[in-house]
Amino acid sequence: MLTARVTAQRQRLGKAVLRDGGQVAYSVTGSGPFLLVVPGWLSHLELGWAVPVDRVFHESLSSGRTLVRYDRPGCGLSDPYDGPRTMDLEQATLTAVTEALGMTRFDVLGWSMGAAVAAQWAADRPATVARLVLYGGWATGASIGDEDSRRHILGLLGTHWGLGSDLLTELFAAEADAGTRLALNEYQRAASSAQTAVALLRLAYDLDVRAALPRIEAPTLVLHRSGDRAAPLDQGRMVAGLIPGAHFVELAGRSHLPAIGDAESVITEVRQFLRLPRLRRTAPTGLTTRQTEVAALVAEGLTNRELAGRLGITERSAESHVERIRLRLGFRSRAQVAAWYVATGPHK
């Protein structure tokens, strides 16, 4: 069996221009044929890259593919936007990103709300989609909870963005550890304003792609976790049932976010469907032997002075090592270096 190894990547950022002149931020990692990721609710390309589990997930998809991600208008690094949120805007955003990168035919991975957006794109533009993967999606947003619960969540987000964000992190990342949940809370609040969060969640509830799904021609893989607390499992089955020839895989787990919980199973299914080699379990960071040794000590919680004593170097040298590691991995803090080392497991 062919295998590939995950390597540390640097994302390359760019901007695409919408017809109204607004700019949409996108990132590119890896090399090979294009794989376009249509995101879920909120995103921030820069801050998300600093969340270890999220970065490992996307680096794993970048092995053998040129992975393209983007921030919606009004989110993350994209320009502010206070206009209406519609499927037409979602499709126009995809058009701007793909045209900016000269993408004509590519694989697509859409998850959560992005699954509906990706499905609509594939139905309307069949010539552009080679293979389609839909994770944690739904055919109709009206199936997500009842009307009272949807009204309650929208009201909480609009009046108490912090509490609303905490609630949705619990819902989306049920299997995350406390540190990751805290990082996701901060990430969501930094990704958009409360008004944008409400508008996008309302759009998610309003989307209905049941008419589009039977028109999809691309080979399609539908993934859904059995205990997903945000999107009902039967909606995943409905999506697969309405797409001609779609293959449905039910995965174990309760988390809605694909990078949380058993992310390896998601990655394995996606890579197999895209005919990419299976990844090795260990994921080298791209650091030198000395840098890996220093990262391990950072993960143990050692200060620069303690690092210097353990390695027999000066404190200034220890500080320089940590700074180079941080820059190599694109992180802002020692805590992120430590979390990355633990998450990627080069020491196992």
Protein backbone atom coordinates (compact mmCIF):
# COMPACT_ATOMS: atom_id res chain seq x y z
CA MET A 1 0.00 0.00 0.00
CA LEU A 2 1.31 3.43 -0.94
CA THR A 3 1.69 5.86 1.94
CA ALA A 4 2.43 9.56 2.25
CA ARG A 5 3.65 11.68 5.13
CA VAL A 6 2.18 14.88 6.48
CA THR A 7 4.65 17.75 6.34
CA ALA A 8 4.42 21.21 7.87
CA GLN A 9 2.98 23.63 5.33
CA ARG A 10 2.98 27.38 4.89
CA GLN A 11 -0.27 28.79 3.65
CA ARG A 12 -0.04 31.35 0.89
CA LEU A 13 -2.65 34.08 1.22
CA GLY A 14 -4.32 36.00 -1.58
CA LYS A 15 -7.41 38.06 -2.38
CA ALA A 16 -10.20 37.52 -4.90
CA VAL A 17 -12.51 40.35 -5.97
CA LEU A 18 -16.30 40.10 -5.96
CA ARG A 19 -18.37 41.89 -8.58
CA ASP A 20 -19.25 44.64 -6.08
CA GLY A 21 -15.54 45.28 -5.53
CA GLY A 22 -15.31 43.61 -2.13
CA GLN A 23 -12.28 41.39 -1.55
CA VAL A 24 -12.41 37.81 -0.35
CA ALA A 25 -9.36 36.26 1.30
CA TYR A 26 -8.20 32.81 0.25
CA SER A 27 -5.29 30.54 1.18
CA VAL A 28 -3.37 27.93 -0.80
CA THR A 29 -1.33 25.07 0.67
CA GLY A 30 0.30 21.99 -0.79
CA SER A 31 0.74 21.04 -4.43
CA GLY A 32 -1.01 18.92 -7.02
CA PRO A 33 -4.56 19.05 -8.43
CA PHE A 34 -6.87 21.54 -6.75
CA LEU A 35 -9.07 20.60 -3.79
CA LEU A 36 -11.46 23.42 -2.88
CA VAL A 37 -12.80 23.49 0.69
CA VAL A 38 -16.17 25.20 1.19
CA PRO A 39 -16.23 26.13 4.89
CA GLY A 40 -18.88 25.75 7.53
CA TRP A 41 -20.36 28.60 9.53
CA LEU A 42 -17.45 30.96 10.37
CA SER A 43 -13.79 31.00 9.40
CA HIS A 44 -10.57 32.96 9.86
CA LEU A 45 -7.72 31.70 7.70
CA GLU A 46 -4.94 33.12 9.86
CA LEU A 47 -6.31 32.29 13.32
CA GLY A 48 -7.59 28.89 12.25
CA TRP A 49 -4.12 27.98 11.03
CA ALA A 50 -2.91 28.55 14.61
CA VAL A 51 -5.37 26.01 16.09
CA PRO A 52 -3.30 22.79 16.06
CA VAL A 53 -6.09 20.30 15.33
CA ASP A 54 -7.43 22.48 12.53
CA ARG A 55 -4.00 22.92 10.98
CA VAL A 56 -3.15 19.20 11.16
CA PHE A 57 -6.47 18.41 9.45
CA HIS A 58 -5.83 20.78 6.55
CA GLU A 59 -2.17 19.85 6.19
CA SER A 60 -3.29 16.22 5.90
CA LEU A 61 -5.55 17.18 3.00
CA SER A 62 -2.74 19.21 1.41
CA SER A 63 -0.55 16.14 0.86
CA GLY A 64 -0.97 15.45 -2.86
CA ARG A 65 -3.44 18.30 -3.42
CA THR A 66 -3.33 22.06 -3.75
CA LEU A 67 -5.76 22.88 -0.97
CA VAL A 68 -7.76 26.09 -1.42
CA ARG A 69 -9.72 27.62 1.47
CA TYR A 70 -11.37 31.01 1.85
CA ASP A 71 -13.11 33.37 4.27
CA ARG A 72 -16.62 34.44 3.37
CA PRO A 73 -17.35 38.17 2.93
CA GLY A 74 -17.43 39.70 6.40
CA CYS A 75 -15.43 36.86 7.97
CA GLY A 76 -11.79 36.48 8.90
CA LEU A 77 -9.41 38.27 6.54
CA SER A 78 -12.08 39.17 3.97
CA ASP A 79 -13.53 42.66 3.62
CA PRO A 80 -16.46 43.71 5.84
CA TYR A 81 -19.90 42.96 4.43
CA ASP A 82 -23.33 43.96 5.72
CA GLY A 83 -25.51 43.02 2.75
CA PRO A 84 -27.96 40.13 2.50
CA ARG A 85 -26.74 36.57 2.98
CA THR A 86 -27.95 34.38 0.14
CA MET A 87 -27.03 31.29 -1.80
CA ASP A 88 -26.30 33.60 -4.73
CA LEU A 89 -23.62 35.38 -2.67
CA GLU A 90 -22.15 32.02 -1.67
CA GLN A 91 -21.92 30.97 -5.30
CA ALA A 92 -20.48 34.35 -6.34
CA THR A 93 -17.79 33.97 -3.68
CA LEU A 94 -16.82 30.56 -5.05
CA THR A 95 -16.73 32.02 -8.56
CA ALA A 96 -14.40 34.83 -7.47
CA VAL A 97 -11.98 32.46 -5.71
CA THR A 98 -11.84 29.87 -8.49
CA GLU A 99 -11.39 32.52 -11.18
CA ALA A 100 -8.63 34.26 -9.21
CA LEU A 101 -6.69 30.98 -9.12
CA GLY A 102 -7.53 29.87 -12.66
CA MET A 103 -9.37 26.78 -11.42
CA THR A 104 -11.39 25.10 -14.17
CA ARG A 105 -11.91 21.53 -12.94
CA PHE A 106 -11.23 20.45 -9.36
CA ASP A 107 -12.28 18.34 -6.40
CA VAL A 108 -14.60 19.93 -3.83
CA LEU A 109 -15.03 19.29 -0.10
CA GLY A 110 -17.95 21.05 1.55
CA TRP A 111 -18.74 20.63 5.22
CA SER A 112 -21.65 21.76 7.42
CA MET A 113 -23.30 24.73 5.70
CA GLY A 114 -20.57 24.47 3.08
CA ALA A 115 -21.92 21.06 2.07
CA ALA A 116 -25.14 22.66 0.83
CA VAL A 117 -23.19 25.40 -0.95
CA ALA A 118 -20.86 22.85 -2.57
CA ALA A 119 -23.80 20.68 -3.63
CA GLN A 120 -25.51 23.63 -5.30
CA TRP A 121 -22.27 24.51 -7.10
CA ALA A 122 -21.81 20.93 -8.34
CA ALA A 123 -25.40 20.78 -9.59
CA ASP A 124 -25.19 24.10 -11.44
CA ARG A 125 -21.62 23.73 -12.77
CA PRO A 126 -21.06 20.02 -13.35
CA ALA A 127 -18.15 20.56 -15.74
CA THR A 128 -16.04 22.11 -12.96
CA VAL A 129 -16.32 19.33 -10.34
CA ALA A 130 -14.22 16.19 -10.69
CA ARG A 131 -15.15 14.64 -7.32
CA LEU A 132 -17.37 15.89 -4.52
CA VAL A 133 -17.16 15.22 -0.78
CA LEU A 134 -19.92 16.38 1.56
CA TYR A 135 -19.39 16.14 5.32
CA GLY A 136 -21.92 16.86 8.09
CA GLY A 137 -24.37 18.49 5.73
CA TRP A 138 -28.10 18.66 5.26
CA ALA A 139 -30.63 18.83 2.45
CA THR A 140 -32.81 21.37 4.22
CA GLY A 141 -31.83 23.67 7.08
CA ALA A 142 -35.33 23.46 8.50
CA SER A 143 -34.34 20.02 9.79
CA ILE A 144 -31.80 21.48 12.25
CA GLY A 145 -33.70 21.48 15.51
CA ASP A 146 -37.20 22.90 15.89
CA GLU A 147 -38.36 26.45 15.31
CA ASP A 148 -38.16 27.38 19.01
CA SER A 149 -34.57 26.15 19.40
CA ARG A 150 -33.46 27.94 16.25
CA ARG A 151 -35.07 31.19 17.44
CA HIS A 152 -33.41 30.80 20.86
CA ILE A 153 -29.92 30.27 19.41
CA LEU A 154 -30.25 33.19 17.00
CA GLY A 155 -31.46 35.44 19.82
CA LEU A 156 -28.61 34.40 22.11
CA LEU A 157 -26.01 35.03 19.41
CA GLY A 158 -27.42 38.46 18.69
CA THR A 159 -27.59 39.64 22.30
CA HIS A 160 -24.75 37.70 23.96
CA TRP A 161 -22.14 36.84 21.33
CA GLY A 162 -19.79 35.38 23.94
CA LEU A 163 -22.37 33.05 25.49
CA GLY A 164 -23.73 32.12 22.08
CA SER A 165 -20.25 31.26 20.84
CA ASP A 166 -19.62 29.10 23.92
CA LEU A 167 -22.90 27.25 23.36
CA LEU A 168 -22.15 26.50 19.73
CA THR A 169 -18.60 25.37 20.53
CA GLU A 170 -20.09 22.82 22.93
CA LEU A 171 -22.45 21.73 20.17
CA PHE A 172 -19.92 21.68 17.32
CA ALA A 173 -16.90 20.29 19.20
CA ALA A 174 -18.39 17.87 21.71
CA GLU A 175 -15.24 15.73 21.84
CA ALA A 176 -12.67 18.53 22.07
CA ASP A 177 -10.46 18.97 25.12
CA ALA A 178 -10.82 22.08 27.27
CA GLY A 179 -7.86 23.87 25.67
CA THR A 180 -9.15 23.31 22.15
CA ARG A 181 -12.64 24.48 23.12
CA LEU A 182 -11.19 27.67 24.55
CA ALA A 183 -9.20 28.25 21.34
CA LEU A 184 -12.32 27.62 19.24
CA ASN A 185 -14.37 30.04 21.34
CA GLU A 186 -11.81 32.80 20.81
CA TYR A 187 -11.48 31.87 17.14
CA GLN A 188 -15.22 32.14 16.47
CA ARG A 189 -15.51 35.52 18.17
CA ALA A 190 -12.54 36.85 16.22
CA ALA A 191 -13.83 35.45 12.93
CA SER A 192 -16.86 37.73 12.68
CA SER A 193 -19.18 40.15 14.41
CA ALA A 194 -22.30 38.95 16.21
CA GLN A 195 -24.42 40.36 13.38
CA THR A 196 -22.51 38.38 10.76
CA ALA A 197 -22.70 35.21 12.86
CA VAL A 198 -26.47 35.57 13.18
CA ALA A 199 -26.93 36.30 9.47
CA LEU A 200 -24.89 33.26 8.43
CA LEU A 201 -26.63 30.92 10.87
CA ARG A 202 -29.99 32.19 9.66
CA LEU A 203 -28.88 31.42 6.10
CA ALA A 204 -27.87 27.90 7.20
CA TYR A 205 -31.39 27.37 8.58
CA ASP A 206 -32.95 28.69 5.35
CA LEU A 207 -30.92 26.69 2.82
CA ASP A 208 -32.76 23.95 0.93
CA VAL A 209 -30.89 22.03 -1.78
CA ARG A 210 -33.26 19.09 -2.23
CA ALA A 211 -34.03 20.15 -5.80
CA ALA A 212 -30.33 20.49 -6.68
CA LEU A 213 -29.06 17.17 -5.31
CA PRO A 214 -30.53 14.89 -8.05
CA ARG A 215 -28.76 17.03 -10.69
CA ILE A 216 -25.27 16.35 -9.33
CA GLU A 217 -23.19 14.35 -11.83
CA ALA A 218 -19.81 14.12 -10.07
CA PRO A 219 -18.84 10.99 -8.11
CA THR A 220 -19.87 11.88 -4.57
CA LEU A 221 -18.89 10.76 -1.08
CA VAL A 222 -21.18 11.73 1.82
CA LEU A 223 -19.72 11.51 5.34
CA HIS A 224 -21.68 11.98 8.54
CA ARG A 225 -20.94 11.19 12.18
CA SER A 226 -23.53 9.05 13.91
CA GLY A 227 -23.84 11.29 16.98
CA ASP A 228 -23.47 14.68 15.27
CA ARG A 229 -25.20 17.10 17.64
CA ALA A 230 -25.55 19.92 15.12
CA ALA A 231 -26.75 18.15 11.96
CA PRO A 232 -29.08 15.12 12.15
CA LEU A 233 -27.71 11.85 10.78
CA ASP A 234 -30.88 11.29 8.76
CA GLN A 235 -30.10 14.46 6.82
CA GLY A 236 -26.77 12.97 5.77
CA ARG A 237 -28.60 9.89 4.59
CA MET A 238 -31.11 12.04 2.72
CA VAL A 239 -28.32 13.96 0.97
CA ALA A 240 -26.71 10.71 -0.18
CA GLY A 241 -30.05 9.23 -1.19
CA LEU A 242 -30.91 12.17 -3.44
CA ILE A 243 -27.55 12.27 -5.26
CA PRO A 244 -27.32 9.67 -8.05
CA GLY A 245 -24.72 7.01 -7.19
CA ALA A 246 -23.49 8.75 -4.01
CA HIS A 247 -21.61 6.66 -1.48
CA PHE A 248 -22.62 7.20 2.16
CA VAL A 249 -20.29 6.49 5.09
CA GLU A 250 -21.46 6.77 8.69
CA LEU A 251 -18.59 7.62 11.02
CA ALA A 252 -18.48 7.23 14.80
CA GLY A 253 -18.39 10.38 16.92
CA ARG A 254 -20.41 13.32 18.25
CA SER A 255 -18.49 16.34 16.96
CA HIS A 256 -19.78 18.37 14.04
CA LEU A 257 -16.40 19.90 13.16
CA PRO A 258 -14.42 17.47 10.97
CA ALA A 259 -11.08 18.27 12.64
CA ILE A 260 -12.41 17.42 16.13
CA GLY A 261 -12.72 13.88 17.47
CA ASP A 262 -11.65 11.08 15.16
CA ALA A 263 -10.38 13.37 12.41
CA GLU A 264 -8.14 10.59 11.11
CA SER A 265 -11.19 8.62 9.93
CA VAL A 266 -12.48 11.64 8.02
CA ILE A 267 -9.07 12.20 6.43
CA THR A 268 -8.73 8.52 5.54
CA GLU A 269 -12.13 8.38 3.83
CA VAL A 270 -11.53 11.61 1.91
CA ARG A 271 -8.06 10.63 0.73
CA GLN A 272 -9.21 7.16 -0.31
CA PHE A 273 -12.10 8.64 -2.30
CA LEU A 274 -9.74 11.12 -3.98
CA ARG A 275 -7.37 8.23 -4.78
CA LEU A 276 -4.58 9.63 -2.65
CA PRO A 277 -2.15 7.42 -0.71
CA ARG A 278 -2.90 6.68 2.91
CA LEU A 279 -1.08 8.89 5.39
CA ARG A 280 1.35 7.60 7.94
CA ARG A 281 0.22 8.09 11.53
CA THR A 282 3.23 10.13 12.50
CA ALA A 283 3.37 13.62 11.14
CA PRO A 284 6.83 15.21 11.02
CA THR A 285 6.80 18.93 11.65
CA GLY A 286 9.46 19.91 9.14
CA LEU A 287 11.76 20.96 12.00
CA THR A 288 15.40 20.05 12.36
CA THR A 289 16.42 17.39 14.87
CA ARG A 290 17.48 20.07 17.36
CA GLN A 291 14.29 22.06 16.82
CA THR A 292 12.19 18.96 17.38
CA GLU A 293 14.08 18.35 20.62
CA VAL A 294 13.42 21.93 21.72
CA ALA A 295 9.72 21.66 20.77
CA ALA A 296 9.45 18.54 22.91
CA LEU A 297 10.83 20.44 25.90
CA VAL A 298 8.47 23.35 25.23
CA ALA A 299 5.63 20.83 25.29
CA GLU A 300 6.86 19.72 28.73
CA GLY A 301 6.41 23.30 29.89
CA LEU A 302 10.07 24.25 30.30
CA THR A 303 11.06 27.94 30.33
CA ASN A 304 13.91 29.23 28.19
CA ARG A 305 16.21 29.11 31.21
CA GLU A 306 15.23 25.51 31.92
CA LEU A 307 15.65 24.65 28.24
CA ALA A 308 19.16 26.11 28.30
CA GLY A 309 20.08 24.10 31.37
CA ARG A 310 18.70 20.86 29.93
CA LEU A 311 20.48 21.28 26.59
CA GLY A 312 23.69 22.87 27.85
CA ILE A 313 23.25 26.07 25.80
CA THR A 314 22.82 29.72 26.70
CA GLU A 315 19.42 31.13 27.54
CA ARG A 316 19.68 33.44 24.53
CA SER A 317 20.28 30.41 22.26
CA ALA A 318 17.27 28.67 23.75
CA GLU A 319 15.15 31.74 23.09
CA SER A 320 16.39 31.86 19.48
CA HIS A 321 15.53 28.19 18.94
CA VAL A 322 11.97 28.71 20.21
CA GLU A 323 11.53 31.81 18.06
CA ARG A 324 12.71 30.00 14.90
CA ILE A 325 10.37 27.10 15.64
CA ARG A 326 7.49 29.49 16.13
CA LEU A 327 8.23 31.25 12.85
CA ARG A 328 8.74 27.97 10.97
CA LEU A 329 5.34 26.71 12.08
CA GLY A 330 3.60 30.06 11.71
CA PHE A 331 2.53 30.27 15.35
CA ARG A 332 2.25 33.23 17.71
CA SER A 333 3.00 31.64 21.06
CA ARG A 334 4.87 28.89 22.91
CA ALA A 335 1.53 27.37 23.85
CA GLN A 336 0.72 26.81 20.18
CA VAL A 337 4.12 25.21 19.62
CA ALA A 338 3.45 22.85 22.52
CA ALA A 339 -0.04 21.99 21.31
CA TRP A 340 1.25 21.41 17.77
CA TYR A 341 3.94 19.04 19.01
CA VAL A 342 1.43 17.00 21.00
CA ALA A 343 -1.14 16.99 18.19
CA THR A 344 1.20 15.91 15.40
CA GLY A 345 2.93 13.25 17.47
CA PRO A 346 6.44 13.29 15.92
CA HIS A 347 7.65 11.85 19.23
CA LYS A 348 5.49 8.71 19.06
